[in-house]
C-alpha atoms as a PDB file:
ATOM      1  CA  MET A   1       0.000   0.000   0.000  1.00  0.00           C
ATOM      2  CA  LEU A   2       1.436   3.366  -1.078  1.00  0.00           C
ATOM      3  CA  ALA A   3      -1.218   5.755   0.184  1.00  0.00           C
ATOM      4  CA  ILE A   4      -4.743   6.103   1.581  1.00  0.00           C
ATOM      5  CA  TRP A   5      -6.611   9.352   0.980  1.00  0.00           C
ATOM      6  CA  ALA A   6      -9.979  10.661   2.123  1.00  0.00           C
ATOM      7  CA  HIS A   7     -12.082  12.897  -0.070  1.00  0.00           C
ATOM      8  CA  GLY A   8     -15.762  13.866  -0.045  1.00  0.00           C
ATOM      9  CA  SER A   9     -17.240  15.144   3.208  1.00  0.00           C
ATOM     10  CA  LEU A  10     -14.364  13.984   5.393  1.00  0.00           C
ATOM     11  CA  GLY A  11     -11.765  15.674   3.222  1.00  0.00           C
ATOM     12  CA  GLY A  12     -13.836  18.827   2.817  1.00  0.00           C
ATOM     13  CA  GLY A  13     -14.608  19.312   6.510  1.00  0.00           C
ATOM     14  CA  ASP A  14     -18.344  18.577   6.258  1.00  0.00           C
ATOM     15  CA  TYR A  15     -18.351  15.045   7.674  1.00  0.00           C
ATOM     16  CA  GLN A  16     -21.370  14.123   9.838  1.00  0.00           C
ATOM     17  CA  GLU A  17     -20.781  10.860  11.688  1.00  0.00           C
ATOM     18  CA  GLY A  18     -23.421   8.279  10.898  1.00  0.00           C
ATOM     19  CA  ARG A  19     -24.886  10.395   8.091  1.00  0.00           C
ATOM     20  CA  SER A  20     -22.018  11.106   5.690  1.00  0.00           C
ATOM     21  CA  ASP A  21     -20.254   8.550   3.532  1.00  0.00           C
ATOM     22  CA  LEU A  22     -16.606   7.798   4.284  1.00  0.00           C
ATOM     23  CA  ASP A  23     -14.967   8.120   0.860  1.00  0.00           C
ATOM     24  CA  LEU A  24     -11.461   6.680   0.526  1.00  0.00           C
ATOM     25  CA  ILE A  25      -8.919   6.023  -2.222  1.00  0.00           C
ATOM     26  CA  ALA A  26      -6.237   3.392  -1.578  1.00  0.00           C
ATOM     27  CA  ILE A  27      -3.189   3.473  -3.889  1.00  0.00           C
ATOM     28  CA  THR A  28      -1.587   0.052  -4.246  1.00  0.00           C
ATOM     29  CA  ASP A  29       1.756  -0.883  -5.740  1.00  0.00           C
ATOM     30  CA  ARG A  30       0.051  -3.190  -8.262  1.00  0.00           C
ATOM     31  CA  ARG A  31      -3.362  -4.427  -9.366  1.00  0.00           C
ATOM     32  CA  CYS A  32      -5.035  -6.923  -7.026  1.00  0.00           C
ATOM     33  CA  THR A  33      -5.114 -10.576  -8.053  1.00  0.00           C
ATOM     34  CA  PRO A  34      -8.504 -12.347  -8.226  1.00  0.00           C
ATOM     35  CA  GLU A  35      -7.749 -14.037  -4.907  1.00  0.00           C
ATOM     36  CA  GLU A  36      -6.887 -10.697  -3.283  1.00  0.00           C
ATOM     37  CA  GLU A  37     -10.109  -9.223  -4.629  1.00  0.00           C
ATOM     38  CA  ARG A  38     -12.064 -12.091  -3.062  1.00  0.00           C
ATOM     39  CA  ARG A  39     -10.350 -11.548   0.291  1.00  0.00           C
ATOM     40  CA  LEU A  40     -10.990  -7.795   0.145  1.00  0.00           C
ATOM     41  CA  GLY A  41     -14.675  -8.500  -0.432  1.00  0.00           C
ATOM     42  CA  GLU A  42     -14.743 -10.792   2.603  1.00  0.00           C
ATOM     43  CA  LEU A  43     -12.935  -8.163   4.685  1.00  0.00           C
ATOM     44  CA  HIS A  44     -15.478  -5.495   3.808  1.00  0.00           C
ATOM     45  CA  GLU A  45     -18.386  -7.848   4.443  1.00  0.00           C
ATOM     46  CA  ASN A  46     -16.980  -8.659   7.888  1.00  0.00           C
ATOM     47  CA  LEU A  47     -16.532  -4.970   8.666  1.00  0.00           C
ATOM     48  CA  ASP A  48     -20.059  -4.288   7.504  1.00  0.00           C
ATOM     49  CA  SER A  49     -21.445  -6.882   9.903  1.00  0.00           C
ATOM     50  CA  THR A  50     -19.444  -5.728  12.931  1.00  0.00           C
ATOM     51  CA  GLU A  51     -18.808  -1.969  12.620  1.00  0.00           C
ATOM     52  CA  ARG A  52     -21.657   0.536  12.826  1.00  0.00           C
ATOM     53  CA  LEU A  53     -20.206   3.013  10.336  1.00  0.00           C
ATOM     54  CA  ALA A  54     -18.940   0.468   7.803  1.00  0.00           C
ATOM     55  CA  ALA A  55     -22.174   0.585   5.776  1.00  0.00           C
ATOM     56  CA  LYS A  56     -21.163   4.066   4.618  1.00  0.00           C
ATOM     57  CA  LEU A  57     -17.586   3.139   3.732  1.00  0.00           C
ATOM     58  CA  HIS A  58     -16.633   3.534   0.066  1.00  0.00           C
ATOM     59  CA  CYS A  59     -13.094   2.683  -1.018  1.00  0.00           C
ATOM     60  CA  SER A  60     -11.477   2.422  -4.456  1.00  0.00           C
ATOM     61  CA  TYR A  61      -8.272   0.379  -4.824  1.00  0.00           C
ATOM     62  CA  VAL A  62      -6.109   1.971  -7.518  1.00  0.00           C
ATOM     63  CA  ALA A  63      -2.822   0.528  -8.803  1.00  0.00           C
ATOM     64  CA  ALA A  64      -0.115   3.186  -9.004  1.00  0.00           C
ATOM     65  CA  ASP A  65       0.600   2.469 -12.675  1.00  0.00           C
ATOM     66  CA  GLU A  66      -3.107   2.930 -13.531  1.00  0.00           C
ATOM     67  CA  VAL A  67      -3.825   6.091 -11.563  1.00  0.00           C
ATOM     68  CA  ALA A  68      -3.152   8.520 -14.430  1.00  0.00           C
ATOM     69  CA  ASP A  69      -6.121   7.403 -16.556  1.00  0.00           C
ATOM     70  CA  PRO A  70      -9.425   8.968 -15.387  1.00  0.00           C
ATOM     71  CA  GLU A  71     -11.393   6.632 -17.699  1.00  0.00           C
ATOM     72  CA  ARG A  72     -10.051   3.390 -16.200  1.00  0.00           C
ATOM     73  CA  SER A  73     -12.294   1.541 -13.746  1.00  0.00           C
ATOM     74  CA  HIS A  74     -10.895   0.307 -10.445  1.00  0.00           C
ATOM     75  CA  LEU A  75     -11.954  -2.230  -7.857  1.00  0.00           C
ATOM     76  CA  THR A  76     -14.284  -0.410  -5.469  1.00  0.00           C
ATOM     77  CA  TRP A  77     -16.288  -1.295  -2.390  1.00  0.00           C
ATOM     78  CA  ALA A  78     -19.394   0.913  -2.365  1.00  0.00           C
ATOM     79  CA  HIS A  79     -23.007   0.504  -1.259  1.00  0.00           C
ATOM     80  CA  ARG A  80     -22.086  -2.773   0.426  1.00  0.00           C
ATOM     81  CA  GLU A  81     -20.729  -4.558  -2.640  1.00  0.00           C
ATOM     82  CA  LEU A  82     -17.648  -4.864  -4.807  1.00  0.00           C
ATOM     83  CA  LYS A  83     -17.817  -3.215  -8.208  1.00  0.00           C
ATOM     84  CA  ARG A  84     -15.577  -1.380 -10.641  1.00  0.00           C
ATOM     85  CA  ARG A  85     -15.774   2.322 -11.315  1.00  0.00           C
ATOM     86  CA  PRO A  86     -13.415   5.147 -12.302  1.00  0.00           C
ATOM     87  CA  VAL A  87     -11.922   7.813 -10.068  1.00  0.00           C
ATOM     88  CA  THR A  88     -13.589  10.742 -11.790  1.00  0.00           C
ATOM     89  CA  PRO A  89     -12.069  14.155 -12.506  1.00  0.00           C
ATOM     90  CA  ILE A  90     -14.364  15.551  -9.802  1.00  0.00           C
ATOM     91  CA  THR A  91     -12.912  13.197  -7.189  1.00  0.00           C
ATOM     92  CA  ARG A  92      -9.400  13.875  -8.469  1.00  0.00           C
ATOM     93  CA  ARG A  93      -9.873  17.636  -8.112  1.00  0.00           C
ATOM     94  CA  GLU A  94     -11.237  17.070  -4.580  1.00  0.00           C
ATOM     95  CA  LEU A  95      -8.111  15.103  -3.697  1.00  0.00           C
ATOM     96  CA  HIS A  96      -5.842  17.865  -4.999  1.00  0.00           C
ATOM     97  CA  THR A  97      -7.870  20.621  -3.326  1.00  0.00           C
ATOM     98  CA  PHE A  98      -8.711  19.221   0.107  1.00  0.00           C
ATOM     99  CA  GLY A  99      -7.824  15.522   0.144  1.00  0.00           C
ATOM    100  CA  ARG A 100      -6.817  14.235   3.561  1.00  0.00           C
ATOM    101  CA  VAL A 101      -3.774  11.956   3.714  1.00  0.00           C
ATOM    102  CA  LEU A 102      -4.474   9.066   6.067  1.00  0.00           C
ATOM    103  CA  TYR A 103      -1.370   7.125   5.093  1.00  0.00           C
ATOM    104  CA  GLY A 104       1.610   7.514   2.788  1.00  0.00           C
ATOM    105  CA  ALA A 105       2.195   9.919  -0.069  1.00  0.00           C
ATOM    106  CA  ASP A 106       0.368  13.169  -0.797  1.00  0.00           C
ATOM    107  CA  PRO A 107      -2.071  13.136  -3.775  1.00  0.00           C
ATOM    108  CA  ALA A 108       0.058  15.719  -5.599  1.00  0.00           C
ATOM    109  CA  THR A 109       2.951  13.250  -5.817  1.00  0.00           C
ATOM    110  CA  LEU A 110       0.975  10.433  -7.465  1.00  0.00           C
ATOM    111  CA  LEU A 111      -2.130  11.937  -9.060  1.00  0.00           C
ATOM    112  CA  PRO A 112      -1.969  14.019 -12.274  1.00  0.00           C
ATOM    113  CA  PRO A 113      -3.648  17.443 -11.988  1.00  0.00           C
ATOM    114  CA  VAL A 114      -7.141  18.064 -13.377  1.00  0.00           C
ATOM    115  CA  THR A 115      -7.668  21.008 -15.726  1.00  0.00           C
ATOM    116  CA  ASP A 116     -10.711  23.258 -15.446  1.00  0.00           C
ATOM    117  CA  ALA A 117     -11.897  22.013 -18.842  1.00  0.00           C
ATOM    118  CA  GLN A 118     -11.656  18.351 -17.733  1.00  0.00           C
ATOM    119  CA  LEU A 119     -13.526  19.162 -14.535  1.00  0.00           C
ATOM    120  CA  ALA A 120     -16.296  21.017 -16.366  1.00  0.00           C
ATOM    121  CA  THR A 121     -16.741  18.212 -18.877  1.00  0.00           C
ATOM    122  CA  SER A 122     -17.043  15.647 -16.089  1.00  0.00           C
ATOM    123  CA  VAL A 123     -19.675  17.744 -14.311  1.00  0.00           C
ATOM    124  CA  LEU A 124     -21.734  18.239 -17.472  1.00  0.00           C
ATOM    125  CA  VAL A 125     -21.563  14.549 -18.428  1.00  0.00           C
ATOM    126  CA  SER A 126     -22.745  13.557 -14.936  1.00  0.00           C
ATOM    127  CA  LEU A 127     -25.730  15.908 -15.165  1.00  0.00           C
ATOM    128  CA  ARG A 128     -26.612  14.885 -18.726  1.00  0.00           C
ATOM    129  CA  ASP A 129     -26.018  11.136 -18.651  1.00  0.00           C
ATOM    130  CA  PHE A 130     -26.853  10.201 -15.068  1.00  0.00           C
ATOM    131  CA  TRP A 131     -28.980  12.749 -13.231  1.00  0.00           C
ATOM    132  CA  ARG A 132     -31.244  13.893 -16.085  1.00  0.00           C
ATOM    133  CA  PRO A 133     -32.263  10.333 -17.074  1.00  0.00           C
ATOM    134  CA  ALA A 134     -32.733   9.442 -13.389  1.00  0.00           C
ATOM    135  CA  LEU A 135     -35.664  11.855 -13.263  1.00  0.00           C
ATOM    136  CA  ASP A 136     -37.588   9.423 -15.473  1.00  0.00           C
ATOM    137  CA  HIS A 137     -37.763   6.943 -12.562  1.00  0.00           C
ATOM    138  CA  PRO A 138     -40.220   8.483 -10.056  1.00  0.00           C
ATOM    139  CA  ASP A 139     -39.920   5.706  -7.460  1.00  0.00           C
ATOM    140  CA  ARG A 140     -36.250   6.502  -6.850  1.00  0.00           C
ATOM    141  CA  TRP A 141     -37.160   9.995  -5.689  1.00  0.00           C
ATOM    142  CA  LEU A 142     -39.191   8.669  -2.777  1.00  0.00           C
ATOM    143  CA  GLN A 143     -35.825   7.842  -1.163  1.00  0.00           C
ATOM    144  CA  ASP A 144     -33.849  10.353   0.907  1.00  0.00           C
ATOM    145  CA  ILE A 145     -30.558   9.610  -0.829  1.00  0.00           C
ATOM    146  CA  TRP A 146     -31.842  10.515  -4.298  1.00  0.00           C
ATOM    147  CA  VAL A 147     -33.399  13.775  -3.155  1.00  0.00           C
ATOM    148  CA  ASP A 148     -30.350  14.757  -1.119  1.00  0.00           C
ATOM    149  CA  LEU A 149     -27.728  13.932  -3.712  1.00  0.00           C
ATOM    150  CA  GLY A 150     -29.752  15.183  -6.658  1.00  0.00           C
ATOM    151  CA  LEU A 151     -30.236  18.689  -5.293  1.00  0.00           C
ATOM    152  CA  LEU A 152     -26.809  18.963  -3.692  1.00  0.00           C
ATOM    153  CA  VAL A 153     -25.020  17.718  -6.811  1.00  0.00           C
ATOM    154  CA  LEU A 154     -26.876  20.307  -8.896  1.00  0.00           C
ATOM    155  CA  ALA A 155     -25.890  23.168  -6.578  1.00  0.00           C
ATOM    156  CA  ARG A 156     -22.264  22.060  -6.426  1.00  0.00           C
ATOM    157  CA  ALA A 157     -22.180  21.626 -10.202  1.00  0.00           C
ATOM    158  CA  MET A 158     -23.453  25.173 -10.727  1.00  0.00           C
ATOM    159  CA  VAL A 159     -20.647  26.627  -8.609  1.00  0.00           C
ATOM    160  CA  THR A 160     -17.987  24.510 -10.307  1.00  0.00           C
ATOM    161  CA  LEU A 161     -19.200  25.453 -13.773  1.00  0.00           C
ATOM    162  CA  ARG A 162     -19.446  29.110 -12.830  1.00  0.00           C
ATOM    163  CA  ASP A 163     -16.014  29.632 -11.293  1.00  0.00           C
ATOM    164  CA  GLY A 164     -14.124  26.324 -11.225  1.00  0.00           C
ATOM    165  CA  THR A 165     -14.285  25.825  -7.451  1.00  0.00           C
ATOM    166  CA  LEU A 166     -15.582  22.980  -5.291  1.00  0.00           C
ATOM    167  CA  ILE A 167     -17.931  23.478  -2.347  1.00  0.00           C
ATOM    168  CA  SER A 168     -19.152  21.227   0.451  1.00  0.00           C
ATOM    169  CA  LYS A 169     -22.666  19.821   0.722  1.00  0.00           C
ATOM    170  CA  GLY A 170     -23.331  22.215   3.585  1.00  0.00           C
ATOM    171  CA  GLU A 171     -22.360  25.164   1.415  1.00  0.00           C
ATOM    172  CA  ALA A 172     -24.503  23.753  -1.400  1.00  0.00           C
ATOM    173  CA  LEU A 173     -27.620  24.168   0.750  1.00  0.00           C
ATOM    174  CA  HIS A 174     -27.122  27.948   0.663  1.00  0.00           C
ATOM    175  CA  VAL A 175     -26.643  27.849  -3.107  1.00  0.00           C
ATOM    176  CA  LEU A 176     -29.931  25.961  -3.506  1.00  0.00           C
ATOM    177  CA  ALA A 177     -31.744  28.912  -1.960  1.00  0.00           C
ATOM    178  CA  GLU A 178     -30.143  31.199  -4.560  1.00  0.00           C
ATOM    179  CA  LEU A 179     -31.330  28.831  -7.306  1.00  0.00           C
ATOM    180  CA  ASP A 180     -34.936  29.026  -6.053  1.00  0.00           C
ATOM    181  CA  ALA A 181     -35.048  25.368  -5.089  1.00  0.00           C
ATOM    182  CA  PRO A 182     -38.221  24.402  -3.178  1.00  0.00           C
ATOM    183  CA  ALA A 183     -37.672  25.834   0.308  1.00  0.00           C
ATOM    184  CA  GLU A 184     -39.434  22.972   2.079  1.00  0.00           C
ATOM    185  CA  VAL A 185     -37.247  20.382   0.327  1.00  0.00           C
ATOM    186  CA  VAL A 186     -34.068  22.290   1.184  1.00  0.00           C
ATOM    187  CA  ALA A 187     -35.226  22.530   4.822  1.00  0.00           C
ATOM    188  CA  ASP A 188     -35.906  18.787   4.841  1.00  0.00           C
ATOM    189  CA  ILE A 189     -32.397  17.998   3.556  1.00  0.00           C
ATOM    190  CA  ARG A 190     -30.788  20.341   6.088  1.00  0.00           C
ATOM    191  CA  ALA A 191     -32.722  18.840   8.997  1.00  0.00           C
ATOM    192  CA  ARG A 192     -31.900  15.237   8.142  1.00  0.00           C
ATOM    193  CA  ARG A 193     -28.215  15.949   7.545  1.00  0.00           C
ATOM    194  CA  TYR A 194     -27.480  18.402  10.338  1.00  0.00           C
ATOM    195  CA  ASP A 195     -30.191  18.557  13.017  1.00  0.00           C
ATOM    196  CA  VAL A 196     -29.496  16.941  16.403  1.00  0.00           C
ATOM    197  CA  PRO A 197     -31.414  14.806  17.042  1.00  0.00           C
ATOM    198  CA  ALA A 198     -32.336  13.862  13.505  1.00  0.00           C
ATOM    199  CA  PRO A 199     -36.028  14.249  12.664  1.00  0.00           C
ATOM    200  CA  ALA A 200     -38.327  11.255  12.652  1.00  0.00           C
ATOM    201  CA  PRO A 201     -38.874   9.497   9.317  1.00  0.00           C
ATOM    202  CA  ALA A 202     -41.441  11.254   7.124  1.00  0.00           C
ATOM    203  CA  GLY A 203     -44.759   9.773   6.093  1.00  0.00           C
ATOM    204  CA  PRO A 204     -45.739   8.674   2.572  1.00  0.00           C
ATOM    205  CA  ALA A 205     -47.706  11.830   1.734  1.00  0.00           C
ATOM    206  CA  TRP A 206     -44.698  14.081   2.304  1.00  0.00           C
ATOM    207  CA  LEU A 207     -42.343  11.698   0.522  1.00  0.00           C
ATOM    208  CA  ALA A 208     -44.554  11.770  -2.576  1.00  0.00           C
ATOM    209  CA  ARG A 209     -44.860  15.573  -2.506  1.00  0.00           C
ATOM    210  CA  ARG A 210     -41.113  15.961  -1.935  1.00  0.00           C
ATOM    211  CA  ALA A 211     -40.364  13.664  -4.878  1.00  0.00           C
ATOM    212  CA  ASP A 212     -42.566  15.717  -7.204  1.00  0.00           C
ATOM    213  CA  LEU A 213     -41.028  18.997  -6.044  1.00  0.00           C
ATOM    214  CA  ALA A 214     -37.474  17.680  -6.398  1.00  0.00           C
ATOM    215  CA  ARG A 215     -38.004  16.185  -9.860  1.00  0.00           C
ATOM    216  CA  ASP A 216     -39.741  19.281 -11.197  1.00  0.00           C
ATOM    217  CA  PHE A 217     -37.009  21.601  -9.922  1.00  0.00           C
ATOM    218  CA  LEU A 218     -34.139  19.400 -11.086  1.00  0.00           C
ATOM    219  CA  GLY A 219     -35.568  18.854 -14.542  1.00  0.00           C
ATOM    220  CA  ARG A 220     -35.764  22.584 -15.191  1.00  0.00           C
ATOM    221  CA  ALA A 221     -32.451  23.369 -13.476  1.00  0.00           C
ATOM    222  CA  ILE A 222     -30.438  20.652 -15.224  1.00  0.00           C
ATOM    223  CA  ASP A 223     -31.814  21.592 -18.645  1.00  0.00           C
ATOM    224  CA  ARG A 224     -30.971  25.242 -18.014  1.00  0.00           C
ATOM    225  CA  THR A 225     -27.457  24.339 -16.864  1.00  0.00           C
ATOM    226  CA  LEU A 226     -26.770  22.143 -19.886  1.00  0.00           C
ATOM    227  CA  THR A 227     -27.993  24.879 -22.206  1.00  0.00           C
ATOM    228  CA  THR A 228     -25.869  27.519 -20.489  1.00  0.00           C
ATOM    229  CA  TYR A 229     -22.618  25.617 -20.083  1.00  0.00           C
ATOM    230  CA  GLY A 230     -22.791  22.714 -22.509  1.00  0.00           C
ATOM    231  CA  PRO A 231     -21.461  22.444 -26.096  1.00  0.00           C
ATOM    232  CA  GLY A 232     -22.714  25.311 -28.211  1.00  0.00           C
ATOM    233  CA  ALA A 233     -23.267  27.640 -25.247  1.00  0.00           C
ATOM    234  CA  PRO A 234     -22.672  31.380 -25.854  1.00  0.00           C
ATOM    235  CA  ALA A 235     -19.019  32.400 -25.671  1.00  0.00           C
ATOM    236  CA  ASP A 236     -19.507  34.575 -22.600  1.00  0.00           C
ATOM    237  CA  THR A 237     -20.471  31.521 -20.521  1.00  0.00           C
ATOM    238  CA  SER A 238     -17.134  29.757 -21.064  1.00  0.00           C
ATOM    239  CA  LEU A 239     -15.455  28.335 -18.005  1.00  0.00           C
ATOM    240  CA  PRO A 240     -12.348  29.710 -16.303  1.00  0.00           C
ATOM    241  CA  GLY A 241      -9.287  28.481 -18.146  1.00  0.00           C
ATOM    242  CA  GLU A 242     -11.218  27.015 -21.090  1.00  0.00           C
ATOM    243  CA  GLY A 243      -9.221  27.341 -24.297  1.00  0.00           C
ATOM    244  CA  THR A 244      -6.086  28.450 -22.456  1.00  0.00           C
ATOM    245  CA  GLU A 245      -4.883  25.195 -20.940  1.00  0.00           C
END
């Protein structure tokens, strides 16, 4: 093992124990063998059954000689199962900006930098190819995680596209107010993520209303964002650094 880094809420100073995910990147000296992958899966399953916070642990295992390629998928434990997924330009910029070194080398010594143009493209692709189609599945939006991430991702994307910076989920709640997001949905997200004690689970009537409000807002906001910042957008909406890197 060459390094272990934290990003996401823990790296950005917005970690809420028991509510936030624990997002880690482990840099290994080589790719895991099939047997090592099997043993890693067993290790995570054992942790999940014995440690209270392990259900929110996400960790990608990245071989040092594969770390430069943002398109390559890596062995990852997330949502209580092993899968493969890339370390996106968004995550890479997080690691360079506020990544926390838990072991070994600093991200700057192993991880290539991310340009503003690469970051913007990654944000736009996520909105276009993942979040916009997700709105066509109403049942998903009855769940807290979809409402929370959908609105917070949109707010964070707007700030990144506007000035090239990254903000925390807590800061994104303030941005949602500026974007005229439904006030009652924003208040619901804030209460569940930050109130002590956490509010009691909501009933089905509110969940259905919240889902409709969230989907309606996100559909309009994502379309507007893609029109403003996507390919073919007016020249005066270009991103910081675009065309100069």
